[in-house]
Amino acid sequence: MTIAVSAVAILAAGVVLMRCICLGAHLSPDKWGTHRLHYALFATSLACLGAGALGVALGWLPANLLLLFGVAGWVAFDRRMPKL
């Protein structure tokens, strides 16, 4: 990758990582409202999402799976999403 593409990738990963940190900082098991397992899986998916974004930007090969699991967990376990 060129330097410009690497810089943009790291900046984009920083945005994703910051969003994951902000969401995770406001999570509370007492205020969650549903099962604790649901809370734990959502928190784990945020961690996978942030780590996967940073890993992809840095070129770490297993980060693709972390990113995939993080996005899938975010979609599946976010309580703000409407149930279909």
PDB file of N, CA and C in Angstrom:
ATOM      1  N   MET A   1       0.830  -1.182   0.000  1.00  0.00           N
ATOM      2  CA  MET A   1       0.000   0.000   0.000  1.00  0.00           C
ATOM      3  C   MET A   1       0.877   1.248   0.000  1.00  0.00           C
ATOM      4  N   THR A   2       0.348   2.274  -0.556  1.00  0.00           N
ATOM      5  CA  THR A   2       1.085   3.527  -0.534  1.00  0.00           C
ATOM      6  C   THR A   2       0.910   4.194   0.825  1.00  0.00           C
ATOM      7  N   ILE A   3       1.695   5.206   1.050  1.00  0.00           N
ATOM      8  CA  ILE A   3       1.639   5.910   2.328  1.00  0.00           C
ATOM      9  C   ILE A   3       0.288   6.590   2.520  1.00  0.00           C
ATOM     10  N   ALA A   4      -0.261   7.172   1.445  1.00  0.00           N
ATOM     11  CA  ALA A   4      -1.552   7.864   1.557  1.00  0.00           C
ATOM     12  C   ALA A   4      -2.677   6.895   1.890  1.00  0.00           C
ATOM     13  N   VAL A   5      -2.685   5.734   1.248  1.00  0.00           N
ATOM     14  CA  VAL A   5      -3.727   4.739   1.529  1.00  0.00           C
ATOM     15  C   VAL A   5      -3.581   4.216   2.952  1.00  0.00           C
ATOM     16  N   SER A   6      -2.368   3.990   3.393  1.00  0.00           N
ATOM     17  CA  SER A   6      -2.137   3.532   4.762  1.00  0.00           C
ATOM     18  C   SER A   6      -2.597   4.563   5.777  1.00  0.00           C
ATOM     19  N   ALA A   7      -2.320   5.818   5.508  1.00  0.00           N
ATOM     20  CA  ALA A   7      -2.729   6.881   6.428  1.00  0.00           C
ATOM     21  C   ALA A   7      -4.250   6.988   6.512  1.00  0.00           C
ATOM     22  N   VAL A   8      -4.916   6.894   5.374  1.00  0.00           N
ATOM     23  CA  VAL A   8      -6.384   6.949   5.374  1.00  0.00           C
ATOM     24  C   VAL A   8      -6.968   5.726   6.070  1.00  0.00           C
ATOM     25  N   ALA A   9      -6.375   4.569   5.865  1.00  0.00           N
ATOM     26  CA  ALA A   9      -6.852   3.352   6.527  1.00  0.00           C
ATOM     27  C   ALA A   9      -6.691   3.449   8.039  1.00  0.00           C
ATOM     28  N   ILE A  10      -5.587   3.996   8.503  1.00  0.00           N
ATOM     29  CA  ILE A  10      -5.381   4.142   9.938  1.00  0.00           C
ATOM     30  C   ILE A  10      -6.338   5.181  10.521  1.00  0.00           C
ATOM     31  N   LEU A  11      -6.594   6.254   9.783  1.00  0.00           N
ATOM     32  CA  LEU A  11      -7.568   7.245  10.243  1.00  0.00           C
ATOM     33  C   LEU A  11      -8.975   6.646  10.319  1.00  0.00           C
ATOM     34  N   ALA A  12      -9.351   5.871   9.316  1.00  0.00           N
ATOM     35  CA  ALA A  12     -10.665   5.224   9.331  1.00  0.00           C
ATOM     36  C   ALA A  12     -10.767   4.221  10.481  1.00  0.00           C
ATOM     37  N   ALA A  13      -9.704   3.489  10.727  1.00  0.00           N
ATOM     38  CA  ALA A  13      -9.694   2.550  11.850  1.00  0.00           C
ATOM     39  C   ALA A  13      -9.803   3.304  13.171  1.00  0.00           C
ATOM     40  N   GLY A  14      -9.189   4.477  13.243  1.00  0.00           N
ATOM     41  CA  GLY A  14      -9.304   5.296  14.452  1.00  0.00           C
ATOM     42  C   GLY A  14     -10.725   5.745  14.708  1.00  0.00           C
ATOM     43  N   VAL A  15     -11.444   6.074  13.642  1.00  0.00           N
ATOM     44  CA  VAL A  15     -12.851   6.461  13.787  1.00  0.00           C
ATOM     45  C   VAL A  15     -13.675   5.294  14.317  1.00  0.00           C
ATOM     46  N   VAL A  16     -13.474   4.119  13.739  1.00  0.00           N
ATOM     47  CA  VAL A  16     -14.209   2.928  14.184  1.00  0.00           C
ATOM     48  C   VAL A  16     -13.840   2.591  15.624  1.00  0.00           C
ATOM     49  N   LEU A  17     -12.559   2.650  15.931  1.00  0.00           N
ATOM     50  CA  LEU A  17     -12.098   2.335  17.284  1.00  0.00           C
ATOM     51  C   LEU A  17     -12.663   3.317  18.300  1.00  0.00           C
ATOM     52  N   MET A  18     -12.712   4.593  17.948  1.00  0.00           N
ATOM     53  CA  MET A  18     -13.264   5.593  18.863  1.00  0.00           C
ATOM     54  C   MET A  18     -14.751   5.364  19.103  1.00  0.00           C
ATOM     55  N   ARG A  19     -15.485   4.995  18.055  1.00  0.00           N
ATOM     56  CA  ARG A  19     -16.912   4.715  18.213  1.00  0.00           C
ATOM     57  C   ARG A  19     -17.126   3.504  19.103  1.00  0.00           C
ATOM     58  N   CYS A  20     -16.301   2.478  18.946  1.00  0.00           N
ATOM     59  CA  CYS A  20     -16.416   1.290  19.790  1.00  0.00           C
ATOM     60  C   CYS A  20     -16.109   1.627  21.247  1.00  0.00           C
ATOM     61  N   ILE A  21     -15.105   2.456  21.466  1.00  0.00           N
ATOM     62  CA  ILE A  21     -14.746   2.850  22.833  1.00  0.00           C
ATOM     63  C   ILE A  21     -15.866   3.671  23.463  1.00  0.00           C
ATOM     64  N   CYS A  22     -16.425   4.606  22.700  1.00  0.00           N
ATOM     65  CA  CYS A  22     -17.509   5.440  23.237  1.00  0.00           C
ATOM     66  C   CYS A  22     -18.754   4.611  23.547  1.00  0.00           C
ATOM     67  N   LEU A  23     -19.104   3.691  22.648  1.00  0.00           N
ATOM     68  CA  LEU A  23     -20.249   2.818  22.924  1.00  0.00           C
ATOM     69  C   LEU A  23     -19.987   1.929  24.132  1.00  0.00           C
ATOM     70  N   GLY A  24     -18.799   1.368  24.191  1.00  0.00           N
ATOM     71  CA  GLY A  24     -18.461   0.489  25.304  1.00  0.00           C
ATOM     72  C   GLY A  24     -18.404   1.200  26.637  1.00  0.00           C
ATOM     73  N   ALA A  25     -18.011   2.466  26.628  1.00  0.00           N
ATOM     74  CA  ALA A  25     -17.930   3.223  27.872  1.00  0.00           C
ATOM     75  C   ALA A  25     -19.306   3.517  28.454  1.00  0.00           C
ATOM     76  N   HIS A  26     -20.315   3.565  27.616  1.00  0.00           N
ATOM     77  CA  HIS A  26     -21.661   3.864  28.089  1.00  0.00           C
ATOM     78  C   HIS A  26     -22.492   2.617  28.365  1.00  0.00           C
ATOM     79  N   LEU A  27     -21.921   1.449  28.143  1.00  0.00           N
ATOM     80  CA  LEU A  27     -22.643   0.215  28.431  1.00  0.00           C
ATOM     81  C   LEU A  27     -22.628  -0.069  29.919  1.00  0.00           C
ATOM     82  N   SER A  28     -23.744  -0.542  30.414  1.00  0.00           N
ATOM     83  CA  SER A  28     -23.837  -0.923  31.817  1.00  0.00           C
ATOM     84  C   SER A  28     -24.717  -2.169  31.907  1.00  0.00           C
ATOM     85  N   PRO A  29     -24.256  -3.195  32.587  1.00  0.00           N
ATOM     86  CA  PRO A  29     -25.095  -4.400  32.691  1.00  0.00           C
ATOM     87  C   PRO A  29     -26.380  -4.140  33.482  1.00  0.00           C
ATOM     88  N   ASP A  30     -26.349  -3.185  34.384  1.00  0.00           N
ATOM     89  CA  ASP A  30     -27.552  -2.885  35.170  1.00  0.00           C
ATOM     90  C   ASP A  30     -28.615  -2.179  34.337  1.00  0.00           C
ATOM     91  N   LYS A  31     -28.194  -1.354  33.397  1.00  0.00           N
ATOM     92  CA  LYS A  31     -29.133  -0.603  32.563  1.00  0.00           C
ATOM     93  C   LYS A  31     -29.432  -1.291  31.244  1.00  0.00           C
ATOM     94  N   TRP A  32     -28.863  -2.452  31.003  1.00  0.00           N
ATOM     95  CA  TRP A  32     -29.003  -3.110  29.706  1.00  0.00           C
ATOM     96  C   TRP A  32     -30.444  -3.522  29.440  1.00  0.00           C
ATOM     97  N   GLY A  33     -31.090  -4.121  30.404  1.00  0.00           N
ATOM     98  CA  GLY A  33     -32.502  -4.447  30.256  1.00  0.00           C
ATOM     99  C   GLY A  33     -32.814  -5.842  29.762  1.00  0.00           C
ATOM    100  N   THR A  34     -31.914  -6.520  29.138  1.00  0.00           N
ATOM    101  CA  THR A  34     -32.160  -7.894  28.698  1.00  0.00           C
ATOM    102  C   THR A  34     -31.168  -8.814  29.397  1.00  0.00           C
ATOM    103  N   HIS A  35     -30.987  -9.987  28.859  1.00  0.00           N
ATOM    104  CA  HIS A  35     -30.128 -10.983  29.494  1.00  0.00           C
ATOM    105  C   HIS A  35     -28.665 -10.532  29.540  1.00  0.00           C
ATOM    106  N   ARG A  36     -27.962 -10.985  30.547  1.00  0.00           N
ATOM    107  CA  ARG A  36     -26.534 -10.663  30.702  1.00  0.00           C
ATOM    108  C   ARG A  36     -25.696 -11.249  29.572  1.00  0.00           C
ATOM    109  N   LEU A  37     -26.098 -12.395  29.066  1.00  0.00           N
ATOM    110  CA  LEU A  37     -25.370 -13.002  27.956  1.00  0.00           C
ATOM    111  C   LEU A  37     -25.468 -12.120  26.709  1.00  0.00           C
ATOM    112  N   HIS A  38     -26.625 -11.553  26.485  1.00  0.00           N
ATOM    113  CA  HIS A  38     -26.827 -10.638  25.366  1.00  0.00           C
ATOM    114  C   HIS A  38     -25.915  -9.424  25.510  1.00  0.00           C
ATOM    115  N   TYR A  39     -25.807  -8.903  26.714  1.00  0.00           N
ATOM    116  CA  TYR A  39     -24.911  -7.776  27.008  1.00  0.00           C
ATOM    117  C   TYR A  39     -23.448  -8.166  26.751  1.00  0.00           C
ATOM    118  N   ALA A  40     -23.054  -9.319  27.246  1.00  0.00           N
ATOM    119  CA  ALA A  40     -21.664  -9.761  27.095  1.00  0.00           C
ATOM    120  C   ALA A  40     -21.311 -10.000  25.629  1.00  0.00           C
ATOM    121  N   LEU A  41     -22.237 -10.551  24.870  1.00  0.00           N
ATOM    122  CA  LEU A  41     -21.973 -10.791  23.449  1.00  0.00           C
ATOM    123  C   LEU A  41     -21.894  -9.480  22.669  1.00  0.00           C
ATOM    124  N   PHE A  42     -22.700  -8.490  23.034  1.00  0.00           N
ATOM    125  CA  PHE A  42     -22.618  -7.199  22.364  1.00  0.00           C
ATOM    126  C   PHE A  42     -21.294  -6.510  22.698  1.00  0.00           C
ATOM    127  N   ALA A  43     -20.888  -6.558  23.953  1.00  0.00           N
ATOM    128  CA  ALA A  43     -19.615  -5.954  24.354  1.00  0.00           C
ATOM    129  C   ALA A  43     -18.442  -6.655  23.660  1.00  0.00           C
ATOM    130  N   THR A  44     -18.503  -7.965  23.533  1.00  0.00           N
ATOM    131  CA  THR A  44     -17.460  -8.714  22.841  1.00  0.00           C
ATOM    132  C   THR A  44     -17.422  -8.362  21.354  1.00  0.00           C
ATOM    133  N   SER A  45     -18.589  -8.168  20.756  1.00  0.00           N
ATOM    134  CA  SER A  45     -18.616  -7.803  19.340  1.00  0.00           C
ATOM    135  C   SER A  45     -18.032  -6.410  19.124  1.00  0.00           C
ATOM    136  N   LEU A  46     -18.216  -5.495  20.073  1.00  0.00           N
ATOM    137  CA  LEU A  46     -17.583  -4.178  19.967  1.00  0.00           C
ATOM    138  C   LEU A  46     -16.061  -4.295  20.036  1.00  0.00           C
ATOM    139  N   ALA A  47     -15.581  -5.158  20.919  1.00  0.00           N
ATOM    140  CA  ALA A  47     -14.138  -5.361  21.024  1.00  0.00           C
ATOM    141  C   ALA A  47     -13.572  -5.974  19.738  1.00  0.00           C
ATOM    142  N   CYS A  48     -14.283  -6.948  19.172  1.00  0.00           N
ATOM    143  CA  CYS A  48     -13.841  -7.558  17.908  1.00  0.00           C
ATOM    144  C   CYS A  48     -13.880  -6.552  16.772  1.00  0.00           C
ATOM    145  N   LEU A  49     -14.900  -5.701  16.755  1.00  0.00           N
ATOM    146  CA  LEU A  49     -15.023  -4.703  15.703  1.00  0.00           C
ATOM    147  C   LEU A  49     -13.861  -3.715  15.745  1.00  0.00           C
ATOM    148  N   GLY A  50     -13.549  -3.204  16.925  1.00  0.00           N
ATOM    149  CA  GLY A  50     -12.442  -2.259  17.058  1.00  0.00           C
ATOM    150  C   GLY A  50     -11.093  -2.892  16.745  1.00  0.00           C
ATOM    151  N   ALA A  51     -10.875  -4.077  17.274  1.00  0.00           N
ATOM    152  CA  ALA A  51      -9.603  -4.765  17.025  1.00  0.00           C
ATOM    153  C   ALA A  51      -9.473  -5.155  15.560  1.00  0.00           C
ATOM    154  N   GLY A  52     -10.559  -5.582  14.954  1.00  0.00           N
ATOM    155  CA  GLY A  52     -10.517  -5.956  13.545  1.00  0.00           C
ATOM    156  C   GLY A  52     -10.246  -4.771  12.640  1.00  0.00           C
ATOM    157  N   ALA A  53     -10.859  -3.619  12.939  1.00  0.00           N
ATOM    158  CA  ALA A  53     -10.619  -2.428  12.122  1.00  0.00           C
ATOM    159  C   ALA A  53      -9.162  -1.992  12.208  1.00  0.00           C
ATOM    160  N   LEU A  54      -8.618  -1.987  13.407  1.00  0.00           N
ATOM    161  CA  LEU A  54      -7.220  -1.605  13.576  1.00  0.00           C
ATOM    162  C   LEU A  54      -6.289  -2.625  12.926  1.00  0.00           C
ATOM    163  N   GLY A  55      -6.603  -3.899  13.072  1.00  0.00           N
ATOM    164  CA  GLY A  55      -5.774  -4.946  12.476  1.00  0.00           C
ATOM    165  C   GLY A  55      -5.776  -4.908  10.960  1.00  0.00           C
ATOM    166  N   VAL A  56      -6.934  -4.631  10.363  1.00  0.00           N
ATOM    167  CA  VAL A  56      -6.998  -4.525   8.903  1.00  0.00           C
ATOM    168  C   VAL A  56      -6.158  -3.347   8.432  1.00  0.00           C
ATOM    169  N   ALA A  57      -6.229  -2.226   9.139  1.00  0.00           N
ATOM    170  CA  ALA A  57      -5.450  -1.049   8.758  1.00  0.00           C
ATOM    171  C   ALA A  57      -3.951  -1.304   8.871  1.00  0.00           C
ATOM    172  N   LEU A  58      -3.561  -2.132   9.822  1.00  0.00           N
ATOM    173  CA  LEU A  58      -2.143  -2.425  10.004  1.00  0.00           C
ATOM    174  C   LEU A  58      -1.670  -3.636   9.199  1.00  0.00           C
ATOM    175  N   GLY A  59      -2.587  -4.308   8.510  1.00  0.00           N
ATOM    176  CA  GLY A  59      -2.199  -5.416   7.642  1.00  0.00           C
ATOM    177  C   GLY A  59      -2.082  -6.757   8.324  1.00  0.00           C
ATOM    178  N   TRP A  60      -2.733  -6.929   9.460  1.00  0.00           N
ATOM    179  CA  TRP A  60      -2.695  -8.200  10.184  1.00  0.00           C
ATOM    180  C   TRP A  60      -3.755  -9.113   9.582  1.00  0.00           C
ATOM    181  N   LEU A  61      -3.379 -10.260   9.038  1.00  0.00           N
ATOM    182  CA  LEU A  61      -4.292 -11.104   8.274  1.00  0.00           C
ATOM    183  C   LEU A  61      -5.489 -11.644   9.051  1.00  0.00           C
ATOM    184  N   PRO A  62      -5.357 -12.131  10.295  1.00  0.00           N
ATOM    185  CA  PRO A  62      -6.547 -12.628  10.999  1.00  0.00           C
ATOM    186  C   PRO A  62      -7.549 -11.532  11.373  1.00  0.00           C
ATOM    187  N   ALA A  63      -7.207 -10.283  11.163  1.00  0.00           N
ATOM    188  CA  ALA A  63      -8.110  -9.193  11.526  1.00  0.00           C
ATOM    189  C   ALA A  63      -9.364  -9.175  10.671  1.00  0.00           C
ATOM    190  N   ASN A  64      -9.309  -9.748   9.484  1.00  0.00           N
ATOM    191  CA  ASN A  64     -10.508  -9.805   8.644  1.00  0.00           C
ATOM    192  C   ASN A  64     -11.627 -10.575   9.335  1.00  0.00           C
ATOM    193  N   LEU A  65     -11.281 -11.689   9.969  1.00  0.00           N
ATOM    194  CA  LEU A  65     -12.288 -12.464  10.693  1.00  0.00           C
ATOM    195  C   LEU A  65     -12.790 -11.712  11.920  1.00  0.00           C
ATOM    196  N   LEU A  66     -11.905 -11.038  12.631  1.00  0.00           N
ATOM    197  CA  LEU A  66     -12.337 -10.241  13.783  1.00  0.00           C
ATOM    198  C   LEU A  66     -13.324  -9.163  13.359  1.00  0.00           C
ATOM    199  N   LEU A  67     -13.029  -8.504  12.271  1.00  0.00           N
ATOM    200  CA  LEU A  67     -13.916  -7.469  11.760  1.00  0.00           C
ATOM    201  C   LEU A  67     -15.261  -8.062  11.367  1.00  0.00           C
ATOM    202  N   LEU A  68     -15.246  -9.190  10.701  1.00  0.00           N
ATOM    203  CA  LEU A  68     -16.485  -9.853  10.300  1.00  0.00           C
ATOM    204  C   LEU A  68     -17.313 -10.261  11.517  1.00  0.00           C
ATOM    205  N   PHE A  69     -16.681 -10.876  12.510  1.00  0.00           N
ATOM    206  CA  PHE A  69     -17.396 -11.286  13.716  1.00  0.00           C
ATOM    207  C   PHE A  69     -17.914 -10.074  14.487  1.00  0.00           C
ATOM    208  N   GLY A  70     -17.147  -9.004  14.502  1.00  0.00           N
ATOM    209  CA  GLY A  70     -17.575  -7.802  15.198  1.00  0.00           C
ATOM    210  C   GLY A  70     -18.798  -7.168  14.573  1.00  0.00           C
ATOM    211  N   VAL A  71     -18.806  -7.071  13.258  1.00  0.00           N
ATOM    212  CA  VAL A  71     -19.966  -6.491  12.574  1.00  0.00           C
ATOM    213  C   VAL A  71     -21.177  -7.404  12.712  1.00  0.00           C
ATOM    214  N   ALA A  72     -20.983  -8.701  12.563  1.00  0.00           N
ATOM    215  CA  ALA A  72     -22.102  -9.641  12.703  1.00  0.00           C
ATOM    216  C   ALA A  72     -22.678  -9.604  14.123  1.00  0.00           C
ATOM    217  N   GLY A  73     -21.814  -9.529  15.120  1.00  0.00           N
ATOM    218  CA  GLY A  73     -22.294  -9.448  16.493  1.00  0.00           C
ATOM    219  C   GLY A  73     -22.988  -8.135  16.788  1.00  0.00           C
ATOM    220  N   TRP A  74     -22.479  -7.061  16.205  1.00  0.00           N
ATOM    221  CA  TRP A  74     -23.104  -5.755  16.404  1.00  0.00           C
ATOM    222  C   TRP A  74     -24.523  -5.758  15.833  1.00  0.00           C
ATOM    223  N   VAL A  75     -24.683  -6.328  14.661  1.00  0.00           N
ATOM    224  CA  VAL A  75     -26.005  -6.395  14.041  1.00  0.00           C
ATOM    225  C   VAL A  75     -26.914  -7.338  14.821  1.00  0.00           C
ATOM    226  N   ALA A  76     -26.401  -8.471  15.252  1.00  0.00           N
ATOM    227  CA  ALA A  76     -27.232  -9.476  15.907  1.00  0.00           C
ATOM    228  C   ALA A  76     -27.607  -9.114  17.342  1.00  0.00           C
ATOM    229  N   PHE A  77     -26.725  -8.439  18.070  1.00  0.00           N
ATOM    230  CA  PHE A  77     -26.951  -8.256  19.504  1.00  0.00           C
ATOM    231  C   PHE A  77     -27.237  -6.824  19.929  1.00  0.00           C
ATOM    232  N   ASP A  78     -27.296  -5.899  19.006  1.00  0.00           N
ATOM    233  CA  ASP A  78     -27.603  -4.519  19.383  1.00  0.00           C
ATOM    234  C   ASP A  78     -29.081  -4.440  19.753  1.00  0.00           C
ATOM    235  N   ARG A  79     -29.371  -4.016  20.953  1.00  0.00           N
ATOM    236  CA  ARG A  79     -30.760  -3.990  21.412  1.00  0.00           C
ATOM    237  C   ARG A  79     -31.548  -2.847  20.790  1.00  0.00           C
ATOM    238  N   ARG A  80     -30.883  -1.899  20.154  1.00  0.00           N
ATOM    239  CA  ARG A  80     -31.581  -0.785  19.523  1.00  0.00           C
ATOM    240  C   ARG A  80     -32.135  -1.166  18.163  1.00  0.00           C
ATOM    241  N   MET A  81     -31.686  -2.274  17.625  1.00  0.00           N
ATOM    242  CA  MET A  81     -32.160  -2.733  16.321  1.00  0.00           C
ATOM    243  C   MET A  81     -33.573  -3.311  16.455  1.00  0.00           C
ATOM    244  N   PRO A  82     -34.443  -3.033  15.495  1.00  0.00           N
ATOM    245  CA  PRO A  82     -35.775  -3.621  15.563  1.00  0.00           C
ATOM    246  C   PRO A  82     -35.722  -5.126  15.280  1.00  0.00           C
ATOM    247  N   LYS A  83     -36.556  -5.861  15.957  1.00  0.00           N
ATOM    248  CA  LYS A  83     -36.624  -7.298  15.737  1.00  0.00           C
ATOM    249  C   LYS A  83     -37.500  -7.578  14.532  1.00  0.00           C
ATOM    250  N   LEU A  84     -36.995  -8.368  13.605  1.00  0.00           N
ATOM    251  CA  LEU A  84     -37.753  -8.678  12.387  1.00  0.00           C
ATOM    252  C   LEU A  84     -38.546  -9.949  12.546  1.00  0.00           C
TER     253      LEU A  84
END
